[in-house]
Structures are given as structure tokens and as C-alpha cells.
Amino acid sequence: MDLVKGLIAIGAGLCMGIGAIGPGVGEGNAVGKALEGMARQPEMADTIRTNMILGCAITETTGIYSLVIALLLIFAF
């Protein structure tokens, strides 16, 4: 039983570690491009910011799904 608990802990850690890479890269790219767009066209800053925040919220769902799976692994078994 201890082996199963250890493997579950490793699986949960990998789930969060790998699952956090995508949102981190995606949000960094989105924010960087949004800042470039705001610097080039300051009059469009409000529209760009709104779209950036919406895109970051959608991108973050992947990390939240990884967290849910990791919590299910830890507490369901």
C-alpha cells in the first residue's frame, strides 16, 4: 500500500509540474505580444488588454485541470 501511495504522490507531482508548463509559456507569450501591440498602437490598449485577459483566463484552465487531477489522485485513493 505504501508503494501505491508513493506512486500516486509522484503522479500528482508530475501532473502539476508538466501541467504548469503550458499555461506558463502560453501566458508569457500572450502578455509579451500584448505589450508589443500596446507599445505600437497605444490607442488600442483597452481592446488589447481585454483580449489579453480573456486569453490568459482561457489558457489558465489547463493549469486548473492539472490541479484538479492532482488533487483527485491524492485524496481519492
PDB file of N, CA and C in Angstrom:
ATOM      1  N   MET A   1       0.815  -1.199   0.000  1.00  0.00           N
ATOM      2  CA  MET A   1       0.000   0.000   0.000  1.00  0.00           C
ATOM      3  C   MET A   1       0.863   1.269   0.000  1.00  0.00           C
ATOM      4  N   ASP A   2       2.018   1.176   0.661  1.00  0.00           N
ATOM      5  CA  ASP A   2       2.901   2.344   0.683  1.00  0.00           C
ATOM      6  C   ASP A   2       3.457   2.645  -0.700  1.00  0.00           C
ATOM      7  N   LEU A   3       3.703   1.593  -1.492  1.00  0.00           N
ATOM      8  CA  LEU A   3       4.194   1.795  -2.850  1.00  0.00           C
ATOM      9  C   LEU A   3       3.157   2.527  -3.695  1.00  0.00           C
ATOM     10  N   VAL A   4       1.895   2.156  -3.522  1.00  0.00           N
ATOM     11  CA  VAL A   4       0.819   2.800  -4.280  1.00  0.00           C
ATOM     12  C   VAL A   4       0.715   4.277  -3.889  1.00  0.00           C
ATOM     13  N   LYS A   5       0.789   4.577  -2.608  1.00  0.00           N
ATOM     14  CA  LYS A   5       0.723   5.977  -2.155  1.00  0.00           C
ATOM     15  C   LYS A   5       1.901   6.786  -2.706  1.00  0.00           C
ATOM     16  N   GLY A   6       3.079   6.168  -2.729  1.00  0.00           N
ATOM     17  CA  GLY A   6       4.253   6.853  -3.270  1.00  0.00           C
ATOM     18  C   GLY A   6       4.111   7.123  -4.758  1.00  0.00           C
ATOM     19  N   LEU A   7       3.613   6.144  -5.494  1.00  0.00           N
ATOM     20  CA  LEU A   7       3.417   6.334  -6.927  1.00  0.00           C
ATOM     21  C   LEU A   7       2.340   7.377  -7.212  1.00  0.00           C
ATOM     22  N   ILE A   8       1.310   7.416  -6.376  1.00  0.00           N
ATOM     23  CA  ILE A   8       0.265   8.438  -6.533  1.00  0.00           C
ATOM     24  C   ILE A   8       0.851   9.831  -6.292  1.00  0.00           C
ATOM     25  N   ALA A   9       1.712   9.956  -5.280  1.00  0.00           N
ATOM     26  CA  ALA A   9       2.340  11.254  -4.999  1.00  0.00           C
ATOM     27  C   ALA A   9       3.243  11.679  -6.161  1.00  0.00           C
ATOM     28  N   ILE A  10       3.987  10.737  -6.717  1.00  0.00           N
ATOM     29  CA  ILE A  10       4.839  11.059  -7.863  1.00  0.00           C
ATOM     30  C   ILE A  10       3.984  11.465  -9.064  1.00  0.00           C
ATOM     31  N   GLY A  11       2.890  10.739  -9.290  1.00  0.00           N
ATOM     32  CA  GLY A  11       1.994  11.075 -10.401  1.00  0.00           C
ATOM     33  C   GLY A  11       1.365  12.445 -10.237  1.00  0.00           C
ATOM     34  N   ALA A  12       0.972  12.776  -9.018  1.00  0.00           N
ATOM     35  CA  ALA A  12       0.375  14.094  -8.774  1.00  0.00           C
ATOM     36  C   ALA A  12       1.409  15.200  -8.978  1.00  0.00           C
ATOM     37  N   GLY A  13       2.636  14.962  -8.530  1.00  0.00           N
ATOM     38  CA  GLY A  13       3.688  15.958  -8.723  1.00  0.00           C
ATOM     39  C   GLY A  13       4.014  16.165 -10.191  1.00  0.00           C
ATOM     40  N   LEU A  14       4.096  15.064 -10.936  1.00  0.00           N
ATOM     41  CA  LEU A  14       4.345  15.177 -12.376  1.00  0.00           C
ATOM     42  C   LEU A  14       3.185  15.874 -13.079  1.00  0.00           C
ATOM     43  N   CYS A  15       1.972  15.569 -12.640  1.00  0.00           N
ATOM     44  CA  CYS A  15       0.793  16.189 -13.247  1.00  0.00           C
ATOM     45  C   CYS A  15       0.850  17.710 -13.093  1.00  0.00           C
ATOM     46  N   MET A  16       1.194  18.176 -11.913  1.00  0.00           N
ATOM     47  CA  MET A  16       1.260  19.620 -11.696  1.00  0.00           C
ATOM     48  C   MET A  16       2.491  20.232 -12.352  1.00  0.00           C
ATOM     49  N   GLY A  17       3.606  19.518 -12.315  1.00  0.00           N
ATOM     50  CA  GLY A  17       4.825  20.057 -12.916  1.00  0.00           C
ATOM     51  C   GLY A  17       4.713  20.218 -14.416  1.00  0.00           C
ATOM     52  N   ILE A  18       4.265  19.169 -15.077  1.00  0.00           N
ATOM     53  CA  ILE A  18       4.127  19.223 -16.531  1.00  0.00           C
ATOM     54  C   ILE A  18       2.919  20.068 -16.921  1.00  0.00           C
ATOM     55  N   GLY A  19       1.862  19.995 -16.118  1.00  0.00           N
ATOM     56  CA  GLY A  19       0.649  20.752 -16.431  1.00  0.00           C
ATOM     57  C   GLY A  19       0.800  22.252 -16.264  1.00  0.00           C
ATOM     58  N   ALA A  20       1.834  22.696 -15.550  1.00  0.00           N
ATOM     59  CA  ALA A  20       2.038  24.132 -15.357  1.00  0.00           C
ATOM     60  C   ALA A  20       2.914  24.743 -16.442  1.00  0.00           C
ATOM     61  N   ILE A  21       3.586  23.907 -17.222  1.00  0.00           N
ATOM     62  CA  ILE A  21       4.478  24.434 -18.262  1.00  0.00           C
ATOM     63  C   ILE A  21       3.683  25.133 -19.369  1.00  0.00           C
ATOM     64  N   GLY A  22       2.623  24.490 -19.821  1.00  0.00           N
ATOM     65  CA  GLY A  22       1.822  25.053 -20.915  1.00  0.00           C
ATOM     66  C   GLY A  22       1.227  26.413 -20.599  1.00  0.00           C
ATOM     67  N   PRO A  23       0.511  26.545 -19.481  1.00  0.00           N
ATOM     68  CA  PRO A  23      -0.035  27.861 -19.151  1.00  0.00           C
ATOM     69  C   PRO A  23       1.040  28.923 -18.940  1.00  0.00           C
ATOM     70  N   GLY A  24       2.173  28.519 -18.366  1.00  0.00           N
ATOM     71  CA  GLY A  24       3.248  29.493 -18.153  1.00  0.00           C
ATOM     72  C   GLY A  24       3.794  30.042 -19.454  1.00  0.00           C
ATOM     73  N   VAL A  25       4.058  29.157 -20.387  1.00  0.00           N
ATOM     74  CA  VAL A  25       4.576  29.581 -21.694  1.00  0.00           C
ATOM     75  C   VAL A  25       3.510  30.354 -22.463  1.00  0.00           C
ATOM     76  N   GLY A  26       2.281  29.847 -22.435  1.00  0.00           N
ATOM     77  CA  GLY A  26       1.203  30.496 -23.181  1.00  0.00           C
ATOM     78  C   GLY A  26       0.888  31.889 -22.680  1.00  0.00           C
ATOM     79  N   GLU A  27       0.811  32.039 -21.370  1.00  0.00           N
ATOM     80  CA  GLU A  27       0.506  33.354 -20.813  1.00  0.00           C
ATOM     81  C   GLU A  27       1.669  34.319 -21.011  1.00  0.00           C
ATOM     82  N   GLY A  28       2.887  33.826 -20.877  1.00  0.00           N
ATOM     83  CA  GLY A  28       4.039  34.693 -21.115  1.00  0.00           C
ATOM     84  C   GLY A  28       4.071  35.202 -22.543  1.00  0.00           C
ATOM     85  N   ASN A  29       3.786  34.325 -23.471  1.00  0.00           N
ATOM     86  CA  ASN A  29       3.755  34.721 -24.880  1.00  0.00           C
ATOM     87  C   ASN A  29       2.625  35.717 -25.134  1.00  0.00           C
ATOM     88  N   ALA A  30       1.456  35.457 -24.589  1.00  0.00           N
ATOM     89  CA  ALA A  30       0.309  36.338 -24.803  1.00  0.00           C
ATOM     90  C   ALA A  30       0.553  37.729 -24.223  1.00  0.00           C
ATOM     91  N   VAL A  31       1.082  37.790 -23.019  1.00  0.00           N
ATOM     92  CA  VAL A  31       1.327  39.089 -22.383  1.00  0.00           C
ATOM     93  C   VAL A  31       2.419  39.850 -23.127  1.00  0.00           C
ATOM     94  N   GLY A  32       3.462  39.149 -23.556  1.00  0.00           N
ATOM     95  CA  GLY A  32       4.537  39.805 -24.298  1.00  0.00           C
ATOM     96  C   GLY A  32       4.046  40.407 -25.607  1.00  0.00           C
ATOM     97  N   LYS A  33       3.241  39.641 -26.341  1.00  0.00           N
ATOM     98  CA  LYS A  33       2.718  40.154 -27.615  1.00  0.00           C
ATOM     99  C   LYS A  33       1.721  41.289 -27.377  1.00  0.00           C
ATOM    100  N   ALA A  34       0.950  41.196 -26.299  1.00  0.00           N
ATOM    101  CA  ALA A  34       0.004  42.274 -25.992  1.00  0.00           C
ATOM    102  C   ALA A  34       0.747  43.571 -25.650  1.00  0.00           C
ATOM    103  N   LEU A  35       1.841  43.457 -24.913  1.00  0.00           N
ATOM    104  CA  LEU A  35       2.626  44.649 -24.595  1.00  0.00           C
ATOM    105  C   LEU A  35       3.256  45.246 -25.847  1.00  0.00           C
ATOM    106  N   GLU A  36       3.694  44.381 -26.759  1.00  0.00           N
ATOM    107  CA  GLU A  36       4.211  44.893 -28.033  1.00  0.00           C
ATOM    108  C   GLU A  36       3.125  45.650 -28.790  1.00  0.00           C
ATOM    109  N   GLY A  37       1.927  45.077 -28.822  1.00  0.00           N
ATOM    110  CA  GLY A  37       0.819  45.723 -29.519  1.00  0.00           C
ATOM    111  C   GLY A  37       0.429  47.044 -28.881  1.00  0.00           C
ATOM    112  N   MET A  38       0.444  47.101 -27.541  1.00  0.00           N
ATOM    113  CA  MET A  38       0.109  48.343 -26.850  1.00  0.00           C
ATOM    114  C   MET A  38       1.172  49.409 -27.086  1.00  0.00           C
ATOM    115  N   ALA A  39       2.431  48.995 -27.195  1.00  0.00           N
ATOM    116  CA  ALA A  39       3.503  49.958 -27.441  1.00  0.00           C
ATOM    117  C   ALA A  39       3.415  50.522 -28.860  1.00  0.00           C
ATOM    118  N   ARG A  40       2.984  49.689 -29.795  1.00  0.00           N
ATOM    119  CA  ARG A  40       2.905  50.145 -31.184  1.00  0.00           C
ATOM    120  C   ARG A  40       1.657  50.987 -31.445  1.00  0.00           C
ATOM    121  N   GLN A  41       0.545  50.613 -30.801  1.00  0.00           N
ATOM    122  CA  GLN A  41      -0.709  51.346 -31.000  1.00  0.00           C
ATOM    123  C   GLN A  41      -1.355  51.632 -29.636  1.00  0.00           C
ATOM    124  N   PRO A  42      -0.930  52.691 -28.975  1.00  0.00           N
ATOM    125  CA  PRO A  42      -1.451  52.992 -27.636  1.00  0.00           C
ATOM    126  C   PRO A  42      -2.967  53.247 -27.608  1.00  0.00           C
ATOM    127  N   GLU A  43      -3.529  53.693 -28.729  1.00  0.00           N
ATOM    128  CA  GLU A  43      -4.975  53.971 -28.741  1.00  0.00           C
ATOM    129  C   GLU A  43      -5.797  52.689 -28.678  1.00  0.00           C
ATOM    130  N   MET A  44      -5.196  51.540 -28.980  1.00  0.00           N
ATOM    131  CA  MET A  44      -5.899  50.254 -28.930  1.00  0.00           C
ATOM    132  C   MET A  44      -5.617  49.493 -27.633  1.00  0.00           C
ATOM    133  N   ALA A  45      -5.017  50.155 -26.657  1.00  0.00           N
ATOM    134  CA  ALA A  45      -4.576  49.476 -25.433  1.00  0.00           C
ATOM    135  C   ALA A  45      -5.741  48.825 -24.685  1.00  0.00           C
ATOM    136  N   ASP A  46      -6.892  49.483 -24.607  1.00  0.00           N
ATOM    137  CA  ASP A  46      -8.025  48.910 -23.873  1.00  0.00           C
ATOM    138  C   ASP A  46      -8.521  47.618 -24.517  1.00  0.00           C
ATOM    139  N   THR A  47      -8.640  47.619 -25.834  1.00  0.00           N
ATOM    140  CA  THR A  47      -9.102  46.430 -26.546  1.00  0.00           C
ATOM    141  C   THR A  47      -8.090  45.297 -26.434  1.00  0.00           C
ATOM    142  N   ILE A  48      -6.819  45.628 -26.580  1.00  0.00           N
ATOM    143  CA  ILE A  48      -5.770  44.613 -26.492  1.00  0.00           C
ATOM    144  C   ILE A  48      -5.723  44.028 -25.085  1.00  0.00           C
ATOM    145  N   ARG A  49      -5.839  44.885 -24.072  1.00  0.00           N
ATOM    146  CA  ARG A  49      -5.795  44.417 -22.685  1.00  0.00           C
ATOM    147  C   ARG A  49      -6.964  43.482 -22.389  1.00  0.00           C
ATOM    148  N   THR A  50      -8.150  43.825 -22.858  1.00  0.00           N
ATOM    149  CA  THR A  50      -9.319  42.983 -22.639  1.00  0.00           C
ATOM    150  C   THR A  50      -9.137  41.615 -23.284  1.00  0.00           C
ATOM    151  N   ASN A  51      -8.667  41.599 -24.516  1.00  0.00           N
ATOM    152  CA  ASN A  51      -8.436  40.332 -25.202  1.00  0.00           C
ATOM    153  C   ASN A  51      -7.329  39.525 -24.537  1.00  0.00           C
ATOM    154  N   MET A  52      -6.305  40.207 -24.031  1.00  0.00           N
ATOM    155  CA  MET A  52      -5.213  39.519 -23.353  1.00  0.00           C
ATOM    156  C   MET A  52      -5.700  38.841 -22.077  1.00  0.00           C
ATOM    157  N   ILE A  53      -6.501  39.545 -21.298  1.00  0.00           N
ATOM    158  CA  ILE A  53      -7.002  38.980 -20.045  1.00  0.00           C
ATOM    159  C   ILE A  53      -7.916  37.792 -20.322  1.00  0.00           C
ATOM    160  N   LEU A  54      -8.747  37.894 -21.340  1.00  0.00           N
ATOM    161  CA  LEU A  54      -9.608  36.773 -21.712  1.00  0.00           C
ATOM    162  C   LEU A  54      -8.780  35.578 -22.174  1.00  0.00           C
ATOM    163  N   GLY A  55      -7.757  35.832 -22.975  1.00  0.00           N
ATOM    164  CA  GLY A  55      -6.886  34.752 -23.434  1.00  0.00           C
ATOM    165  C   GLY A  55      -6.119  34.106 -22.293  1.00  0.00           C
ATOM    166  N   CYS A  56      -5.654  34.910 -21.337  1.00  0.00           N
ATOM    167  CA  CYS A  56      -4.940  34.351 -20.190  1.00  0.00           C
ATOM    168  C   CYS A  56      -5.869  33.506 -19.316  1.00  0.00           C
ATOM    169  N   ALA A  57      -7.115  33.927 -19.186  1.00  0.00           N
ATOM    170  CA  ALA A  57      -8.078  33.139 -18.401  1.00  0.00           C
ATOM    171  C   ALA A  57      -8.337  31.780 -19.063  1.00  0.00           C
ATOM    172  N   ILE A  58      -8.455  31.781 -20.376  1.00  0.00           N
ATOM    173  CA  ILE A  58      -8.672  30.522 -21.087  1.00  0.00           C
ATOM    174  C   ILE A  58      -7.426  29.643 -21.001  1.00  0.00           C
ATOM    175  N   THR A  59      -6.255  30.242 -21.121  1.00  0.00           N
ATOM    176  CA  THR A  59      -5.011  29.478 -21.044  1.00  0.00           C
ATOM    177  C   THR A  59      -4.827  28.867 -19.658  1.00  0.00           C
ATOM    178  N   GLU A  60      -5.245  29.564 -18.632  1.00  0.00           N
ATOM    179  CA  GLU A  60      -5.056  29.100 -17.254  1.00  0.00           C
ATOM    180  C   GLU A  60      -5.905  27.877 -16.935  1.00  0.00           C
ATOM    181  N   THR A  61      -6.948  27.615 -17.719  1.00  0.00           N
ATOM    182  CA  THR A  61      -7.792  26.449 -17.427  1.00  0.00           C
ATOM    183  C   THR A  61      -7.012  25.150 -17.516  1.00  0.00           C
ATOM    184  N   THR A  62      -5.989  25.081 -18.356  1.00  0.00           N
ATOM    185  CA  THR A  62      -5.169  23.877 -18.437  1.00  0.00           C
ATOM    186  C   THR A  62      -4.470  23.614 -17.104  1.00  0.00           C
ATOM    187  N   GLY A  63      -3.945  24.650 -16.494  1.00  0.00           N
ATOM    188  CA  GLY A  63      -3.315  24.502 -15.182  1.00  0.00           C
ATOM    189  C   GLY A  63      -4.306  24.113 -14.104  1.00  0.00           C
ATOM    190  N   ILE A  64      -5.515  24.649 -14.192  1.00  0.00           N
ATOM    191  CA  ILE A  64      -6.543  24.312 -13.204  1.00  0.00           C
ATOM    192  C   ILE A  64      -6.972  22.857 -13.361  1.00  0.00           C
ATOM    193  N   TYR A  65      -7.079  22.379 -14.611  1.00  0.00           N
ATOM    194  CA  TYR A  65      -7.405  20.972 -14.834  1.00  0.00           C
ATOM    195  C   TYR A  65      -6.317  20.073 -14.250  1.00  0.00           C
ATOM    196  N   SER A  66      -5.064  20.454 -14.408  1.00  0.00           N
ATOM    197  CA  SER A  66      -3.967  19.683 -13.843  1.00  0.00           C
ATOM    198  C   SER A  66      -4.056  19.653 -12.319  1.00  0.00           C
ATOM    199  N   LEU A  67      -4.402  20.768 -11.716  1.00  0.00           N
ATOM    200  CA  LEU A  67      -4.562  20.822 -10.268  1.00  0.00           C
ATOM    201  C   LEU A  67      -5.686  19.910  -9.805  1.00  0.00           C
ATOM    202  N   VAL A  68      -6.797  19.914 -10.509  1.00  0.00           N
ATOM    203  CA  VAL A  68      -7.933  19.059 -10.147  1.00  0.00           C
ATOM    204  C   VAL A  68      -7.542  17.588 -10.225  1.00  0.00           C
ATOM    205  N   ILE A  69      -6.853  17.208 -11.292  1.00  0.00           N
ATOM    206  CA  ILE A  69      -6.426  15.819 -11.441  1.00  0.00           C
ATOM    207  C   ILE A  69      -5.450  15.439 -10.333  1.00  0.00           C
ATOM    208  N   ALA A  70      -4.504  16.322 -10.008  1.00  0.00           N
ATOM    209  CA  ALA A  70      -3.543  16.041  -8.943  1.00  0.00           C
ATOM    210  C   ALA A  70      -4.255  15.882  -7.600  1.00  0.00           C
ATOM    211  N   LEU A  71      -5.219  16.755  -7.315  1.00  0.00           N
ATOM    212  CA  LEU A  71      -5.970  16.628  -6.060  1.00  0.00           C
ATOM    213  C   LEU A  71      -6.799  15.348  -6.020  1.00  0.00           C
ATOM    214  N   LEU A  72      -7.372  14.981  -7.150  1.00  0.00           N
ATOM    215  CA  LEU A  72      -8.122  13.714  -7.207  1.00  0.00           C
ATOM    216  C   LEU A  72      -7.202  12.525  -6.959  1.00  0.00           C
ATOM    217  N   LEU A  73      -6.018  12.566  -7.524  1.00  0.00           N
ATOM    218  CA  LEU A  73      -5.065  11.479  -7.291  1.00  0.00           C
ATOM    219  C   LEU A  73      -4.694  11.376  -5.809  1.00  0.00           C
ATOM    220  N   ILE A  74      -4.470  12.510  -5.193  1.00  0.00           N
ATOM    221  CA  ILE A  74      -4.014  12.492  -3.793  1.00  0.00           C
ATOM    222  C   ILE A  74      -5.136  12.086  -2.847  1.00  0.00           C
ATOM    223  N   PHE A  75      -6.318  12.656  -2.993  1.00  0.00           N
ATOM    224  CA  PHE A  75      -7.360  12.462  -1.994  1.00  0.00           C
ATOM    225  C   PHE A  75      -8.362  11.362  -2.324  1.00  0.00           C
ATOM    226  N   ALA A  76      -8.396  10.883  -3.562  1.00  0.00           N
ATOM    227  CA  ALA A  76      -9.371   9.851  -3.914  1.00  0.00           C
ATOM    228  C   ALA A  76      -8.870   8.461  -3.544  1.00  0.00           C
ATOM    229  N   PHE A  77      -7.556   8.292  -3.392  1.00  0.00           N
ATOM    230  CA  PHE A  77      -7.030   6.964  -3.091  1.00  0.00           C
ATOM    231  C   PHE A  77      -6.453   6.888  -1.711  1.00  0.00           C
TER     232      PHE A  77
END
